[in-house]
C-alpha atoms as a PDB file:
ATOM      1  CA  UNK A   1     -30.223 -51.528  19.683  1.00  0.00           C
ATOM      2  CA  UNK A   2     -26.628 -52.456  18.777  1.00  0.00           C
ATOM      3  CA  UNK A   3     -23.671 -51.599  21.006  1.00  0.00           C
ATOM      4  CA  UNK A   4     -21.913 -48.324  20.271  1.00  0.00           C
ATOM      5  CA  UNK A   5     -18.688 -50.303  19.790  1.00  0.00           C
ATOM      6  CA  UNK A   6     -18.419 -53.980  18.898  1.00  0.00           C
ATOM      7  CA  UNK A   7     -15.019 -55.661  18.575  1.00  0.00           C
ATOM      8  CA  UNK A   8     -15.216 -59.207  17.252  1.00  0.00           C
ATOM      9  CA  UNK A   9     -12.190 -61.553  17.105  1.00  0.00           C
ATOM     10  CA  UNK A  10      -9.865 -58.641  16.289  1.00  0.00           C
ATOM     11  CA  UNK A  11      -6.267 -59.321  15.253  1.00  0.00           C
ATOM     12  CA  UNK A  12      -3.550 -56.698  14.794  1.00  0.00           C
ATOM     13  CA  UNK A  13      -0.297 -58.070  13.388  1.00  0.00           C
ATOM     14  CA  UNK A  14       3.000 -56.249  12.970  1.00  0.00           C
ATOM     15  CA  UNK A  15       5.813 -57.531  10.791  1.00  0.00           C
ATOM     16  CA  UNK A  16       9.478 -56.966  11.554  1.00  0.00           C
ATOM     17  CA  UNK A  17      12.650 -58.314  10.029  1.00  0.00           C
ATOM     18  CA  UNK A  18      14.074 -59.560  13.285  1.00  0.00           C
ATOM     19  CA  UNK A  19      10.944 -61.038  14.893  1.00  0.00           C
ATOM     20  CA  UNK A  20       8.724 -61.924  11.950  1.00  0.00           C
ATOM     21  CA  UNK A  21       5.022 -61.582  12.720  1.00  0.00           C
ATOM     22  CA  UNK A  22       4.104 -60.062  16.081  1.00  0.00           C
ATOM     23  CA  UNK A  23       0.471 -60.608  17.107  1.00  0.00           C
ATOM     24  CA  UNK A  24      -0.124 -57.447  19.134  1.00  0.00           C
ATOM     25  CA  UNK A  25      -3.874 -58.117  19.346  1.00  0.00           C
ATOM     26  CA  UNK A  26      -4.784 -61.788  19.157  1.00  0.00           C
ATOM     27  CA  UNK A  27      -8.486 -62.512  18.833  1.00  0.00           C
ATOM     28  CA  UNK A  28     -10.010 -59.869  21.123  1.00  0.00           C
ATOM     29  CA  UNK A  29     -13.785 -59.451  21.408  1.00  0.00           C
ATOM     30  CA  UNK A  30     -15.582 -56.825  23.492  1.00  0.00           C
ATOM     31  CA  UNK A  31     -18.580 -54.507  23.409  1.00  0.00           C
ATOM     32  CA  UNK A  32     -19.138 -50.973  24.680  1.00  0.00           C
ATOM     33  CA  UNK A  33     -22.531 -49.335  25.171  1.00  0.00           C
ATOM     34  CA  UNK A  34     -23.421 -45.659  25.129  1.00  0.00           C
ATOM     35  CA  UNK A  35     -22.958 -43.990  28.489  1.00  0.00           C
ATOM     36  CA  UNK A  36     -20.610 -46.778  29.617  1.00  0.00           C
ATOM     37  CA  UNK A  37     -16.927 -46.774  30.509  1.00  0.00           C
ATOM     38  CA  UNK A  38     -14.948 -49.938  29.849  1.00  0.00           C
ATOM     39  CA  UNK A  39     -11.450 -49.995  31.319  1.00  0.00           C
ATOM     40  CA  UNK A  40      -8.685 -51.903  29.579  1.00  0.00           C
ATOM     41  CA  UNK A  41      -5.692 -52.848  31.724  1.00  0.00           C
ATOM     42  CA  UNK A  42      -2.465 -54.757  31.303  1.00  0.00           C
ATOM     43  CA  UNK A  43       1.271 -54.262  31.312  1.00  0.00           C
ATOM     44  CA  UNK A  44       3.189 -52.479  28.548  1.00  0.00           C
ATOM     45  CA  UNK A  45       3.197 -54.592  25.403  1.00  0.00           C
ATOM     46  CA  UNK A  46      -0.051 -56.378  26.256  1.00  0.00           C
ATOM     47  CA  UNK A  47      -1.812 -54.959  23.185  1.00  0.00           C
ATOM     48  CA  UNK A  48      -3.964 -52.260  24.827  1.00  0.00           C
ATOM     49  CA  UNK A  49      -2.777 -49.366  22.679  1.00  0.00           C
ATOM     50  CA  UNK A  50      -2.764 -51.415  19.475  1.00  0.00           C
ATOM     51  CA  UNK A  51      -6.416 -52.270  20.077  1.00  0.00           C
ATOM     52  CA  UNK A  52      -7.187 -48.618  20.858  1.00  0.00           C
ATOM     53  CA  UNK A  53      -5.590 -47.478  17.610  1.00  0.00           C
ATOM     54  CA  UNK A  54      -7.553 -50.080  15.671  1.00  0.00           C
ATOM     55  CA  UNK A  55     -10.813 -48.829  17.186  1.00  0.00           C
ATOM     56  CA  UNK A  56     -10.204 -45.337  15.786  1.00  0.00           C
ATOM     57  CA  UNK A  57      -8.859 -46.607  12.467  1.00  0.00           C
ATOM     58  CA  UNK A  58      -5.172 -45.855  13.060  1.00  0.00           C
ATOM     59  CA  UNK A  59      -4.268 -49.555  12.772  1.00  0.00           C
ATOM     60  CA  UNK A  60      -5.613 -51.877  10.107  1.00  0.00           C
ATOM     61  CA  UNK A  61      -7.029 -55.209  11.270  1.00  0.00           C
ATOM     62  CA  UNK A  62      -5.363 -58.394  10.050  1.00  0.00           C
ATOM     63  CA  UNK A  63      -8.572 -60.306  10.818  1.00  0.00           C
ATOM     64  CA  UNK A  64     -11.851 -59.841  12.676  1.00  0.00           C
ATOM     65  CA  UNK A  65     -14.063 -56.760  12.731  1.00  0.00           C
ATOM     66  CA  UNK A  66     -14.677 -53.516  14.595  1.00  0.00           C
ATOM     67  CA  UNK A  67     -17.999 -51.745  14.169  1.00  0.00           C
ATOM     68  CA  UNK A  68     -19.453 -48.504  15.503  1.00  0.00           C
ATOM     69  CA  UNK A  69     -23.234 -48.619  15.728  1.00  0.00           C
ATOM     70  CA  UNK A  70     -23.112 -51.602  13.383  1.00  0.00           C
ATOM     71  CA  UNK A  71     -20.994 -49.865  10.731  1.00  0.00           C
ATOM     72  CA  UNK A  72     -17.397 -51.091  10.118  1.00  0.00           C
ATOM     73  CA  UNK A  73     -14.599 -48.734  11.212  1.00  0.00           C
ATOM     74  CA  UNK A  74     -12.781 -47.270   8.221  1.00  0.00           C
ATOM     75  CA  UNK A  75      -8.963 -47.064   8.326  1.00  0.00           C
ATOM     76  CA  UNK A  76      -7.564 -43.543   8.367  1.00  0.00           C
ATOM     77  CA  UNK A  77      -6.333 -42.370   4.967  1.00  0.00           C
ATOM     78  CA  UNK A  78      -3.098 -40.546   4.249  1.00  0.00           C
ATOM     79  CA  UNK A  79      -4.733 -37.161   3.726  1.00  0.00           C
ATOM     80  CA  UNK A  80      -7.944 -36.923   5.698  1.00  0.00           C
ATOM     81  CA  UNK A  81     -10.094 -38.815   8.154  1.00  0.00           C
ATOM     82  CA  UNK A  82     -13.712 -39.034   7.141  1.00  0.00           C
ATOM     83  CA  UNK A  83     -14.943 -41.380   9.900  1.00  0.00           C
ATOM     84  CA  UNK A  84     -15.351 -39.272  13.050  1.00  0.00           C
ATOM     85  CA  UNK A  85     -17.617 -41.623  15.030  1.00  0.00           C
ATOM     86  CA  UNK A  86     -14.727 -42.573  17.305  1.00  0.00           C
ATOM     87  CA  UNK A  87     -12.128 -40.155  18.650  1.00  0.00           C
ATOM     88  CA  UNK A  88      -8.959 -40.686  20.653  1.00  0.00           C
ATOM     89  CA  UNK A  89      -7.523 -38.759  23.576  1.00  0.00           C
ATOM     90  CA  UNK A  90      -3.793 -39.462  23.469  1.00  0.00           C
ATOM     91  CA  UNK A  91      -1.387 -39.873  26.358  1.00  0.00           C
ATOM     92  CA  UNK A  92       0.690 -36.737  25.866  1.00  0.00           C
ATOM     93  CA  UNK A  93      -1.072 -33.361  25.692  1.00  0.00           C
ATOM     94  CA  UNK A  94       2.302 -31.880  24.706  1.00  0.00           C
ATOM     95  CA  UNK A  95       2.576 -33.897  21.473  1.00  0.00           C
ATOM     96  CA  UNK A  96      -1.075 -34.180  20.417  1.00  0.00           C
ATOM     97  CA  UNK A  97      -1.689 -30.459  19.804  1.00  0.00           C
ATOM     98  CA  UNK A  98      -0.127 -28.401  17.011  1.00  0.00           C
ATOM     99  CA  UNK A  99       2.070 -25.750  18.689  1.00  0.00           C
ATOM    100  CA  UNK A 100       1.872 -23.421  15.671  1.00  0.00           C
ATOM    101  CA  UNK A 101      -1.898 -23.109  15.581  1.00  0.00           C
ATOM    102  CA  UNK A 102      -4.327 -21.454  17.950  1.00  0.00           C
ATOM    103  CA  UNK A 103      -6.551 -23.579  20.136  1.00  0.00           C
ATOM    104  CA  UNK A 104      -9.651 -22.283  18.382  1.00  0.00           C
ATOM    105  CA  UNK A 105      -8.410 -23.216  14.912  1.00  0.00           C
ATOM    106  CA  UNK A 106      -7.665 -26.762  16.061  1.00  0.00           C
ATOM    107  CA  UNK A 107     -11.092 -27.165  17.613  1.00  0.00           C
ATOM    108  CA  UNK A 108     -12.792 -25.821  14.486  1.00  0.00           C
ATOM    109  CA  UNK A 109     -11.129 -28.564  12.442  1.00  0.00           C
ATOM    110  CA  UNK A 110     -13.205 -31.162  14.252  1.00  0.00           C
ATOM    111  CA  UNK A 111     -16.609 -29.477  14.042  1.00  0.00           C
ATOM    112  CA  UNK A 112     -19.333 -31.014  11.874  1.00  0.00           C
ATOM    113  CA  UNK A 113     -19.826 -29.250   8.555  1.00  0.00           C
ATOM    114  CA  UNK A 114     -23.363 -28.203   9.441  1.00  0.00           C
ATOM    115  CA  UNK A 115     -22.418 -26.086  12.474  1.00  0.00           C
ATOM    116  CA  UNK A 116     -23.949 -22.654  11.889  1.00  0.00           C
ATOM    117  CA  UNK A 117     -21.709 -20.642  14.232  1.00  0.00           C
ATOM    118  CA  UNK A 118     -18.249 -22.251  14.614  1.00  0.00           C
ATOM    119  CA  UNK A 119     -16.980 -19.548  16.987  1.00  0.00           C
ATOM    120  CA  UNK A 120     -19.888 -20.080  19.375  1.00  0.00           C
ATOM    121  CA  UNK A 121     -19.455 -23.852  19.165  1.00  0.00           C
ATOM    122  CA  UNK A 122     -15.740 -23.558  20.000  1.00  0.00           C
ATOM    123  CA  UNK A 123     -16.580 -21.346  22.994  1.00  0.00           C
ATOM    124  CA  UNK A 124     -19.146 -23.925  24.164  1.00  0.00           C
ATOM    125  CA  UNK A 125     -16.612 -26.752  23.831  1.00  0.00           C
ATOM    126  CA  UNK A 126     -14.056 -24.848  25.890  1.00  0.00           C
ATOM    127  CA  UNK A 127     -16.637 -24.081  28.545  1.00  0.00           C
ATOM    128  CA  UNK A 128     -17.644 -27.751  28.683  1.00  0.00           C
ATOM    129  CA  UNK A 129     -14.076 -28.749  29.542  1.00  0.00           C
ATOM    130  CA  UNK A 130     -13.656 -25.956  32.108  1.00  0.00           C
ATOM    131  CA  UNK A 131     -11.754 -23.345  30.094  1.00  0.00           C
ATOM    132  CA  UNK A 132     -12.755 -19.767  29.180  1.00  0.00           C
ATOM    133  CA  UNK A 133     -13.841 -18.854  25.663  1.00  0.00           C
ATOM    134  CA  UNK A 134     -10.804 -16.547  25.430  1.00  0.00           C
ATOM    135  CA  UNK A 135      -8.575 -19.648  25.317  1.00  0.00           C
ATOM    136  CA  UNK A 136      -9.508 -20.038  21.638  1.00  0.00           C
ATOM    137  CA  UNK A 137      -7.160 -17.205  20.647  1.00  0.00           C
ATOM    138  CA  UNK A 138      -4.164 -18.627  22.528  1.00  0.00           C
ATOM    139  CA  UNK A 139      -1.560 -21.253  21.648  1.00  0.00           C
ATOM    140  CA  UNK A 140      -0.977 -24.632  23.368  1.00  0.00           C
ATOM    141  CA  UNK A 141       2.326 -23.574  24.986  1.00  0.00           C
ATOM    142  CA  UNK A 142       0.424 -20.965  27.006  1.00  0.00           C
ATOM    143  CA  UNK A 143      -1.389 -23.665  28.989  1.00  0.00           C
ATOM    144  CA  UNK A 144      -0.419 -26.164  31.676  1.00  0.00           C
ATOM    145  CA  UNK A 145      -0.359 -29.901  30.986  1.00  0.00           C
ATOM    146  CA  UNK A 146      -3.768 -30.436  32.541  1.00  0.00           C
ATOM    147  CA  UNK A 147      -5.256 -27.557  30.545  1.00  0.00           C
ATOM    148  CA  UNK A 148      -3.736 -28.905  27.330  1.00  0.00           C
ATOM    149  CA  UNK A 149      -5.333 -32.266  27.964  1.00  0.00           C
ATOM    150  CA  UNK A 150      -8.676 -30.516  28.474  1.00  0.00           C
ATOM    151  CA  UNK A 151      -8.179 -28.867  25.082  1.00  0.00           C
ATOM    152  CA  UNK A 152      -7.374 -32.252  23.547  1.00  0.00           C
ATOM    153  CA  UNK A 153     -10.583 -33.637  25.067  1.00  0.00           C
ATOM    154  CA  UNK A 154     -12.563 -30.687  23.655  1.00  0.00           C
ATOM    155  CA  UNK A 155     -11.119 -31.443  20.235  1.00  0.00           C
ATOM    156  CA  UNK A 156     -12.067 -35.120  20.621  1.00  0.00           C
ATOM    157  CA  UNK A 157     -15.712 -34.341  21.383  1.00  0.00           C
ATOM    158  CA  UNK A 158     -15.995 -31.605  18.723  1.00  0.00           C
ATOM    159  CA  UNK A 159     -17.168 -34.014  15.956  1.00  0.00           C
ATOM    160  CA  UNK A 160     -19.837 -35.417  18.332  1.00  0.00           C
ATOM    161  CA  UNK A 161     -18.452 -38.963  18.340  1.00  0.00           C
ATOM    162  CA  UNK A 162     -20.224 -42.071  19.547  1.00  0.00           C
ATOM    163  CA  UNK A 163     -17.108 -43.468  21.237  1.00  0.00           C
ATOM    164  CA  UNK A 164     -14.128 -41.888  22.975  1.00  0.00           C
ATOM    165  CA  UNK A 165     -10.894 -43.852  23.309  1.00  0.00           C
ATOM    166  CA  UNK A 166      -8.711 -42.516  26.129  1.00  0.00           C
ATOM    167  CA  UNK A 167      -5.254 -44.083  25.869  1.00  0.00           C
ATOM    168  CA  UNK A 168      -3.386 -43.454  29.137  1.00  0.00           C
ATOM    169  CA  UNK A 169      -4.878 -39.923  29.173  1.00  0.00           C
ATOM    170  CA  UNK A 170      -3.512 -38.814  32.570  1.00  0.00           C
ATOM    171  CA  UNK A 171      -0.110 -40.532  32.746  1.00  0.00           C
ATOM    172  CA  UNK A 172       1.768 -37.353  31.771  1.00  0.00           C
ATOM    173  CA  UNK A 173      -0.053 -35.166  34.342  1.00  0.00           C
ATOM    174  CA  UNK A 174       0.553 -34.396  38.007  1.00  0.00           C
ATOM    175  CA  UNK A 175      -1.743 -35.901  40.651  1.00  0.00           C
ATOM    176  CA  UNK A 176      -4.048 -32.892  40.923  1.00  0.00           C
ATOM    177  CA  UNK A 177      -4.518 -32.592  37.161  1.00  0.00           C
ATOM    178  CA  UNK A 178      -5.051 -36.359  36.903  1.00  0.00           C
ATOM    179  CA  UNK A 179      -8.020 -36.245  39.275  1.00  0.00           C
ATOM    180  CA  UNK A 180      -9.569 -33.287  37.440  1.00  0.00           C
ATOM    181  CA  UNK A 181      -9.210 -34.839  33.995  1.00  0.00           C
ATOM    182  CA  UNK A 182     -10.602 -38.208  35.133  1.00  0.00           C
ATOM    183  CA  UNK A 183     -13.600 -36.431  36.686  1.00  0.00           C
ATOM    184  CA  UNK A 184     -14.106 -34.477  33.439  1.00  0.00           C
ATOM    185  CA  UNK A 185     -14.047 -37.641  31.316  1.00  0.00           C
ATOM    186  CA  UNK A 186     -16.563 -39.322  33.585  1.00  0.00           C
ATOM    187  CA  UNK A 187     -18.931 -36.347  33.415  1.00  0.00           C
ATOM    188  CA  UNK A 188     -18.691 -36.191  29.613  1.00  0.00           C
ATOM    189  CA  UNK A 189     -19.688 -39.845  29.313  1.00  0.00           C
ATOM    190  CA  UNK A 190     -22.733 -39.193  31.497  1.00  0.00           C
ATOM    191  CA  UNK A 191     -23.725 -35.870  29.921  1.00  0.00           C
ATOM    192  CA  UNK A 192     -23.108 -36.705  26.252  1.00  0.00           C
ATOM    193  CA  UNK A 193     -24.104 -40.349  26.346  1.00  0.00           C
ATOM    194  CA  UNK A 194     -20.944 -41.502  24.568  1.00  0.00           C
ATOM    195  CA  UNK A 195     -19.167 -44.761  25.284  1.00  0.00           C
ATOM    196  CA  UNK A 196     -15.561 -44.603  26.467  1.00  0.00           C
ATOM    197  CA  UNK A 197     -12.771 -47.141  26.254  1.00  0.00           C
ATOM    198  CA  UNK A 198     -10.394 -46.082  29.048  1.00  0.00           C
ATOM    199  CA  UNK A 199      -6.915 -47.590  28.773  1.00  0.00           C
ATOM    200  CA  UNK A 200      -4.509 -47.479  31.682  1.00  0.00           C
ATOM    201  CA  UNK A 201      -1.872 -49.452  33.564  1.00  0.00           C
ATOM    202  CA  UNK A 202      -3.210 -47.885  36.794  1.00  0.00           C
ATOM    203  CA  UNK A 203      -5.679 -50.457  38.122  1.00  0.00           C
ATOM    204  CA  UNK A 204      -6.785 -48.307  41.050  1.00  0.00           C
ATOM    205  CA  UNK A 205      -7.742 -45.535  38.630  1.00  0.00           C
ATOM    206  CA  UNK A 206      -9.606 -47.951  36.363  1.00  0.00           C
ATOM    207  CA  UNK A 207     -11.470 -49.370  39.360  1.00  0.00           C
ATOM    208  CA  UNK A 208     -12.575 -45.833  40.226  1.00  0.00           C
ATOM    209  CA  UNK A 209     -13.881 -44.820  36.790  1.00  0.00           C
ATOM    210  CA  UNK A 210     -14.859 -47.953  34.835  1.00  0.00           C
ATOM    211  CA  UNK A 211     -18.204 -49.755  34.798  1.00  0.00           C
ATOM    212  CA  UNK A 212     -16.579 -52.841  33.317  1.00  0.00           C
ATOM    213  CA  UNK A 213     -12.965 -53.889  32.928  1.00  0.00           C
ATOM    214  CA  UNK A 214     -11.013 -56.087  30.552  1.00  0.00           C
ATOM    215  CA  UNK A 215      -7.589 -57.533  31.318  1.00  0.00           C
ATOM    216  CA  UNK A 216      -5.167 -57.929  28.414  1.00  0.00           C
ATOM    217  CA  UNK A 217      -2.184 -60.272  28.489  1.00  0.00           C
ATOM    218  CA  UNK A 218       0.081 -61.020  25.519  1.00  0.00           C
ATOM    219  CA  UNK A 219      -2.450 -59.676  23.047  1.00  0.00           C
ATOM    220  CA  UNK A 220      -5.417 -61.580  24.454  1.00  0.00           C
ATOM    221  CA  UNK A 221      -8.338 -60.455  26.587  1.00  0.00           C
ATOM    222  CA  UNK A 222      -7.981 -62.991  29.382  1.00  0.00           C
ATOM    223  CA  UNK A 223     -10.737 -61.679  31.666  1.00  0.00           C
ATOM    224  CA  UNK A 224     -13.581 -59.173  31.485  1.00  0.00           C
ATOM    225  CA  UNK A 225     -16.701 -58.274  33.435  1.00  0.00           C
ATOM    226  CA  UNK A 226     -18.159 -55.722  35.850  1.00  0.00           C
ATOM    227  CA  UNK A 227     -15.284 -53.930  37.548  1.00  0.00           C
ATOM    228  CA  UNK A 228     -15.996 -54.977  41.126  1.00  0.00           C
ATOM    229  CA  UNK A 229     -16.674 -58.556  40.057  1.00  0.00           C
ATOM    230  CA  UNK A 230     -13.327 -58.836  38.261  1.00  0.00           C
ATOM    231  CA  UNK A 231     -11.600 -57.182  41.211  1.00  0.00           C
ATOM    232  CA  UNK A 232     -13.252 -59.573  43.665  1.00  0.00           C
ATOM    233  CA  UNK A 233     -13.079 -62.882  41.781  1.00  0.00           C
ATOM    234  CA  UNK A 234      -9.778 -62.545  39.850  1.00  0.00           C
ATOM    235  CA  UNK A 235     -10.288 -65.721  37.866  1.00  0.00           C
ATOM    236  CA  UNK A 236      -7.170 -65.505  35.705  1.00  0.00           C
ATOM    237  CA  UNK A 237      -3.704 -65.808  37.335  1.00  0.00           C
ATOM    238  CA  UNK A 238      -2.515 -62.678  35.526  1.00  0.00           C
ATOM    239  CA  UNK A 239      -5.480 -60.695  36.889  1.00  0.00           C
ATOM    240  CA  UNK A 240      -4.607 -61.834  40.403  1.00  0.00           C
ATOM    241  CA  UNK A 241      -0.992 -60.821  39.844  1.00  0.00           C
ATOM    242  CA  UNK A 242      -1.974 -57.348  38.614  1.00  0.00           C
ATOM    243  CA  UNK A 243      -4.415 -56.642  41.431  1.00  0.00           C
ATOM    244  CA  UNK A 244      -2.120 -58.011  44.129  1.00  0.00           C
ATOM    245  CA  UNK A 245       0.537 -55.559  42.923  1.00  0.00           C
ATOM    246  CA  UNK A 246      -1.696 -52.507  43.517  1.00  0.00           C
ATOM    247  CA  UNK A 247      -0.309 -50.558  46.518  1.00  0.00           C
ATOM    248  CA  UNK A 248      -2.576 -50.473  49.554  1.00  0.00           C
ATOM    249  CA  UNK A 249      -2.524 -47.531  51.947  1.00  0.00           C
ATOM    250  CA  UNK A 250      -2.371 -49.651  55.082  1.00  0.00           C
ATOM    251  CA  UNK A 251       0.410 -51.835  53.726  1.00  0.00           C
ATOM    252  CA  UNK A 252       2.381 -48.796  52.620  1.00  0.00           C
ATOM    253  CA  UNK A 253       2.037 -47.236  56.063  1.00  0.00           C
ATOM    254  CA  UNK A 254       3.214 -50.419  57.805  1.00  0.00           C
ATOM    255  CA  UNK A 255       6.211 -50.648  55.489  1.00  0.00           C
ATOM    256  CA  UNK A 256       7.175 -47.051  56.232  1.00  0.00           C
ATOM    257  CA  UNK A 257       6.813 -47.537  60.003  1.00  0.00           C
ATOM    258  CA  UNK A 258       8.990 -50.675  59.999  1.00  0.00           C
ATOM    259  CA  UNK A 259      11.755 -49.038  57.975  1.00  0.00           C
END
């Protein structure tokens, strides 16, 4: 059985007048299985989000390939998106939902064409992410940030994708909402059997949720493997630098006491 997601020697190149060609993703290869969470970490500008956008067809590859269940990812067209096998949960729940449309109408957009009872399916999606069915008739501004992100997650799973791409999905939320949304994403991976590419600059969070982790640096995947193995061995200097920078409770307490 092929991996749910297979990225092979992927290159994403941007062109600008001032800088010429910028290789945002420079020869990255990785695989993601169903029911697995792969964390992708690295500083801003390392290429994480460019790779994420390529996985869902929002960026066109300059070279290499990305396949879902062995089938090449199709770039998103100007009018519609026909390939729903991968779905993205974006960073900001305030920008990713249409403020002029009800929650229910936005969830219905993502449902497969063969759904017999769209209203019942929308209610089931809302219940799965911890919201009441009545939320379908309301508008995004009537919900908190954490609730909006739950709605965005419901919309992402509506087409029954094989892969979820979560690009910094909790950065815009407070600590309590962050924990709830991370727990929800983890349960969805287990219950639905989807694969998830979880992108974050928060290494402690990635260590908590991811089965495997990849470290990106200047567009390249410089280290990858089981999360605890990467955390323990830290083969690449950049990996060591990232992990050494993660705050530790004991160190923080000693710093506060000595101040």
